[in-house]
Amino acid sequence: MVDTDVLIVGAGPVGLTAAAELRRQGVACRLIDRLLARLPYAKAVGVQPRTLEIWDRMGMVRAALEVAVPLRGQLMYADGVEQARIELRLPPEVPYVFAALPQYETERILEEHLARFGTGIERGTELVGFTQHEDGVVSRIVTASGTQQELRSRFLIGCDGAHSTVRKQLGLAFEGVRLPRSTCSPMWRWTGAFPGLRGAGRAPRRRGPCRRCPGLHPAARRSPLPHVDAGTR
């Protein structure tokens, strides 16, 4: 006997997407995360056009487009000198363009979408180990109250990031090296079009409503960038 079909560890964008798609297909699952709340940092911000198409199929693209801004290109500087300039262009038949959306907003939208299926994040709950059997997995978890529990599931999905407990216990390598330098990702606000990048101020959607959802809210079809003074934060 199992407690749930699937246990998902990690409630970032990947874990939330996995949970939402499982629930959409009628599969029972539980989603746990050791953090008590989502982190208030932008972290990853770029959203690919294909991701927007998938969100369209999931039924949540409207909520994303209402808060996203267009990602028209990239400017790269070193020591105050421009090194490269990239303009992101797509064929006209692609229904979406690149968009920018802070990770905390992506997680909020996914969490609200998941809640429609009656499933939420079990926060403050950490996976400390698991044992695999022929008919499933027994996971050892510690809840926010400090209670230790065993949870039986048919499958265990590890979406718990670079320091994944699931990956480490399975003995899977995480290829790569730590760079001996610090980086920062400033968030800019500006007034008007950005120099050299055409189309700044247009919304992530291309040319009107999507072919698959013609009734999309106008705010999602054309959403101008905020008109504020230039600065950083």
Protein backbone atom coordinates (compact mmCIF):
# COMPACT_ATOMS: atom_id res chain seq x y z
CA MET A 1 0.00 0.00 0.00
CA VAL A 2 1.27 3.49 -0.88
CA ASP A 3 0.55 6.91 0.61
CA THR A 4 0.70 8.60 -2.80
CA ASP A 5 1.60 7.68 -6.35
CA VAL A 6 4.44 10.21 -6.64
CA LEU A 7 6.50 12.15 -4.10
CA ILE A 8 8.14 15.26 -5.54
CA VAL A 9 11.03 16.82 -3.63
CA GLY A 10 11.62 20.51 -4.34
CA ALA A 11 8.99 23.17 -5.09
CA GLY A 12 10.89 25.29 -7.57
CA PRO A 13 9.64 25.74 -11.15
CA VAL A 14 10.54 22.16 -12.11
CA GLY A 15 8.88 20.52 -9.11
CA LEU A 16 5.79 22.70 -9.38
CA THR A 17 5.46 21.94 -13.09
CA ALA A 18 5.83 18.21 -12.48
CA ALA A 19 3.17 18.31 -9.77
CA ALA A 20 0.75 20.38 -11.86
CA GLU A 21 1.06 18.11 -14.89
CA LEU A 22 0.66 14.96 -12.80
CA ARG A 23 -2.45 16.36 -11.15
CA ARG A 24 -3.81 17.48 -14.51
CA GLN A 25 -3.55 13.85 -15.66
CA GLY A 26 -5.26 12.61 -12.51
CA VAL A 27 -2.13 11.24 -10.80
CA ALA A 28 -1.97 11.61 -7.02
CA CYS A 29 1.20 13.30 -5.78
CA ARG A 30 2.67 15.18 -2.85
CA LEU A 31 5.09 18.08 -3.15
CA ILE A 32 7.51 18.88 -0.33
CA ASP A 33 10.09 21.64 0.12
CA ARG A 34 12.41 22.34 3.05
CA LEU A 35 11.97 26.12 2.73
CA LEU A 36 9.19 27.77 4.71
CA ALA A 37 8.50 30.26 1.89
CA ARG A 38 9.63 30.93 -1.66
CA LEU A 39 12.80 33.01 -1.97
CA PRO A 40 12.24 36.71 -2.85
CA TYR A 41 15.02 36.83 -5.44
CA ALA A 42 14.71 37.15 -9.21
CA LYS A 43 17.28 34.37 -9.89
CA ALA A 44 16.48 33.01 -13.37
CA VAL A 45 14.34 35.47 -15.37
CA GLY A 46 14.40 34.34 -19.01
CA VAL A 47 11.36 32.44 -20.33
CA GLN A 48 11.67 30.68 -23.68
CA PRO A 49 8.88 30.91 -26.28
CA ARG A 50 8.48 27.13 -26.10
CA THR A 51 7.90 27.42 -22.35
CA LEU A 52 5.06 29.86 -23.01
CA GLU A 53 3.57 27.39 -25.48
CA ILE A 54 3.69 24.67 -22.81
CA TRP A 55 2.10 27.01 -20.27
CA ASP A 56 -0.58 27.70 -22.86
CA ARG A 57 -1.29 23.97 -23.07
CA MET A 58 -1.31 23.73 -19.28
CA GLY A 59 -3.85 26.55 -19.07
CA MET A 60 -1.74 29.13 -17.21
CA VAL A 61 -0.13 31.30 -19.89
CA ARG A 62 -2.62 34.15 -19.38
CA ALA A 63 -1.51 34.65 -15.77
CA ALA A 64 2.15 34.65 -16.85
CA LEU A 65 1.72 37.15 -19.67
CA GLU A 66 -0.12 39.59 -17.41
CA VAL A 67 3.06 40.11 -15.35
CA ALA A 68 5.86 39.29 -17.83
CA VAL A 69 7.76 41.85 -19.90
CA PRO A 70 9.37 41.27 -23.31
CA LEU A 71 12.96 40.08 -23.52
CA ARG A 72 14.17 41.65 -26.76
CA GLY A 73 17.92 41.13 -26.45
CA GLN A 74 21.03 41.18 -24.30
CA LEU A 75 23.80 43.70 -23.76
CA MET A 76 27.08 42.44 -22.27
CA TYR A 77 29.57 44.75 -20.56
CA ALA A 78 32.98 44.24 -18.96
CA ASP A 79 34.56 47.04 -16.91
CA GLY A 80 32.02 49.49 -18.27
CA VAL A 81 32.74 48.68 -21.92
CA GLU A 82 30.15 47.02 -24.15
CA GLN A 83 31.44 43.62 -25.32
CA ALA A 84 28.50 42.15 -27.19
CA ARG A 85 24.93 42.93 -28.23
CA ILE A 86 22.35 40.29 -29.10
CA GLU A 87 18.90 40.92 -30.52
CA LEU A 88 16.48 38.03 -30.06
CA ARG A 89 14.49 37.40 -33.22
CA LEU A 90 12.08 34.62 -34.11
CA PRO A 91 10.25 33.49 -37.25
CA PRO A 92 6.84 35.17 -37.63
CA GLU A 93 4.97 31.88 -37.25
CA VAL A 94 6.16 31.46 -33.63
CA PRO A 95 3.18 32.58 -31.47
CA TYR A 96 5.29 33.85 -28.55
CA VAL A 97 8.54 35.76 -28.09
CA PHE A 98 11.12 35.61 -25.30
CA ALA A 99 9.85 36.97 -21.99
CA ALA A 100 11.32 38.05 -18.68
CA LEU A 101 9.70 36.88 -15.47
CA PRO A 102 11.40 36.69 -12.05
CA GLN A 103 11.57 33.18 -10.67
CA TYR A 104 9.50 34.08 -7.61
CA GLU A 105 6.69 35.20 -9.93
CA THR A 106 6.99 32.00 -11.97
CA GLU A 107 6.72 29.97 -8.77
CA ARG A 108 3.74 32.00 -7.55
CA ILE A 109 1.85 31.44 -10.80
CA LEU A 110 2.66 27.73 -10.86
CA GLU A 111 1.66 27.34 -7.20
CA GLU A 112 -1.68 29.06 -7.82
CA HIS A 113 -2.22 26.86 -10.87
CA LEU A 114 -1.44 23.73 -8.84
CA ALA A 115 -3.91 24.80 -6.14
CA ARG A 116 -6.74 24.46 -8.69
CA PHE A 117 -6.19 20.71 -8.49
CA GLY A 118 -6.42 20.72 -4.70
CA THR A 119 -2.68 20.26 -4.16
CA GLY A 120 -0.33 22.53 -2.26
CA ILE A 121 3.29 22.65 -1.16
CA GLU A 122 4.15 20.96 2.12
CA ARG A 123 6.64 23.57 3.26
CA GLY A 124 9.27 23.10 5.93
CA THR A 125 9.36 19.39 5.06
CA GLU A 126 12.73 17.87 4.19
CA LEU A 127 13.73 14.57 2.63
CA VAL A 128 16.51 12.99 4.69
CA GLY A 129 16.76 9.62 2.96
CA PHE A 130 14.94 6.93 1.02
CA THR A 131 15.00 3.24 0.23
CA GLN A 132 14.01 1.82 -3.13
CA HIS A 133 12.03 -1.41 -3.36
CA GLU A 134 10.64 -3.43 -6.24
CA ASP A 135 7.19 -1.91 -5.88
CA GLY A 136 8.15 1.66 -4.98
CA VAL A 137 10.10 3.93 -2.66
CA VAL A 138 10.01 4.51 1.10
CA SER A 139 11.09 8.09 1.85
CA ARG A 140 12.12 9.39 5.26
CA ILE A 141 10.99 12.97 5.78
CA VAL A 142 11.09 15.51 8.61
CA THR A 143 8.14 17.90 8.81
CA ALA A 144 8.10 21.54 9.88
CA SER A 145 7.20 20.46 13.42
CA GLY A 146 10.26 18.21 13.59
CA THR A 147 8.26 15.00 13.29
CA GLN A 148 9.96 12.18 11.39
CA GLN A 149 7.77 10.16 9.05
CA GLU A 150 8.03 7.43 6.46
CA LEU A 151 6.14 7.98 3.22
CA ARG A 152 5.51 5.27 0.64
CA SER A 153 5.17 6.16 -3.03
CA ARG A 154 5.39 4.41 -6.37
CA PHE A 155 7.85 7.00 -7.67
CA LEU A 156 10.18 9.63 -6.22
CA ILE A 157 11.09 12.69 -8.30
CA GLY A 158 14.07 14.78 -7.25
CA CYS A 159 13.68 18.46 -8.16
CA ASP A 160 15.77 19.68 -5.24
CA GLY A 161 18.45 21.67 -7.03
CA ALA A 162 22.22 21.70 -7.14
CA HIS A 163 22.59 20.14 -3.68
CA SER A 164 19.96 17.47 -4.36
CA THR A 165 19.54 14.84 -1.65
CA VAL A 166 17.92 12.54 -4.21
CA ARG A 167 20.80 12.82 -6.67
CA LYS A 168 23.47 12.37 -3.99
CA GLN A 169 21.90 9.23 -2.54
CA LEU A 170 21.54 7.75 -6.03
CA GLY A 171 25.24 8.43 -6.63
CA LEU A 172 24.61 10.63 -9.66
CA ALA A 173 27.28 13.18 -10.52
CA PHE A 174 26.61 16.88 -10.99
CA GLU A 175 29.17 17.84 -13.64
CA GLY A 176 30.77 21.26 -13.57
CA VAL A 177 33.12 23.42 -11.54
CA ARG A 178 32.69 26.34 -9.16
CA LEU A 179 34.02 29.55 -10.68
CA PRO A 180 36.40 31.53 -8.39
CA ARG A 181 34.52 34.80 -8.79
CA SER A 182 31.41 36.59 -7.64
CA THR A 183 28.66 37.83 -9.92
CA CYS A 184 25.58 39.98 -9.52
CA SER A 185 22.41 40.40 -11.56
CA PRO A 186 21.15 44.01 -11.30
CA MET A 187 17.54 44.80 -12.17
CA TRP A 188 17.13 47.94 -14.29
CA ARG A 189 14.18 50.21 -14.82
CA TRP A 190 14.14 52.67 -17.70
CA THR A 191 11.92 55.13 -19.53
CA GLY A 192 11.24 54.64 -23.24
CA ALA A 193 12.84 52.30 -25.76
CA PHE A 194 16.17 50.72 -24.94
CA PRO A 195 18.93 51.89 -27.35
CA GLY A 196 19.56 49.48 -30.20
CA LEU A 197 16.81 47.00 -29.31
CA ARG A 198 13.71 47.34 -31.45
CA GLY A 199 10.28 46.76 -30.01
CA ALA A 200 11.01 47.59 -26.37
CA GLY A 201 7.69 48.16 -24.67
CA ARG A 202 5.75 45.54 -26.62
CA ALA A 203 4.31 42.56 -24.82
CA PRO A 204 5.68 38.98 -24.97
CA ARG A 205 2.81 37.91 -27.24
CA ARG A 206 3.32 38.28 -31.01
CA ARG A 207 0.66 39.97 -33.15
CA GLY A 208 -2.54 39.63 -31.20
CA PRO A 209 -4.15 36.68 -29.46
CA CYS A 210 -2.73 33.18 -29.68
CA ARG A 211 -4.29 30.86 -32.23
CA ARG A 212 -5.26 28.49 -29.43
CA CYS A 213 -6.82 31.05 -27.07
CA PRO A 214 -8.40 33.88 -29.11
CA GLY A 215 -10.17 35.35 -26.10
CA LEU A 216 -7.00 36.22 -24.21
CA HIS A 217 -7.31 39.28 -21.98
CA PRO A 218 -6.08 42.46 -23.75
CA ALA A 219 -3.60 43.12 -20.94
CA ALA A 220 -1.83 39.91 -21.88
CA ARG A 221 -1.66 40.87 -25.55
CA ARG A 222 -0.19 44.31 -25.13
CA SER A 223 1.37 45.23 -21.81
CA PRO A 224 3.75 48.23 -21.84
CA LEU A 225 6.82 48.38 -19.66
CA PRO A 226 6.44 50.49 -16.51
CA HIS A 227 7.09 54.20 -17.07
CA VAL A 228 9.47 55.10 -14.23
CA ASP A 229 12.74 56.95 -13.83
CA ALA A 230 15.93 55.11 -14.69
CA GLY A 231 17.76 53.49 -11.82
CA THR A 232 18.83 50.24 -10.27
CA ARG A 233 17.77 48.13 -7.37
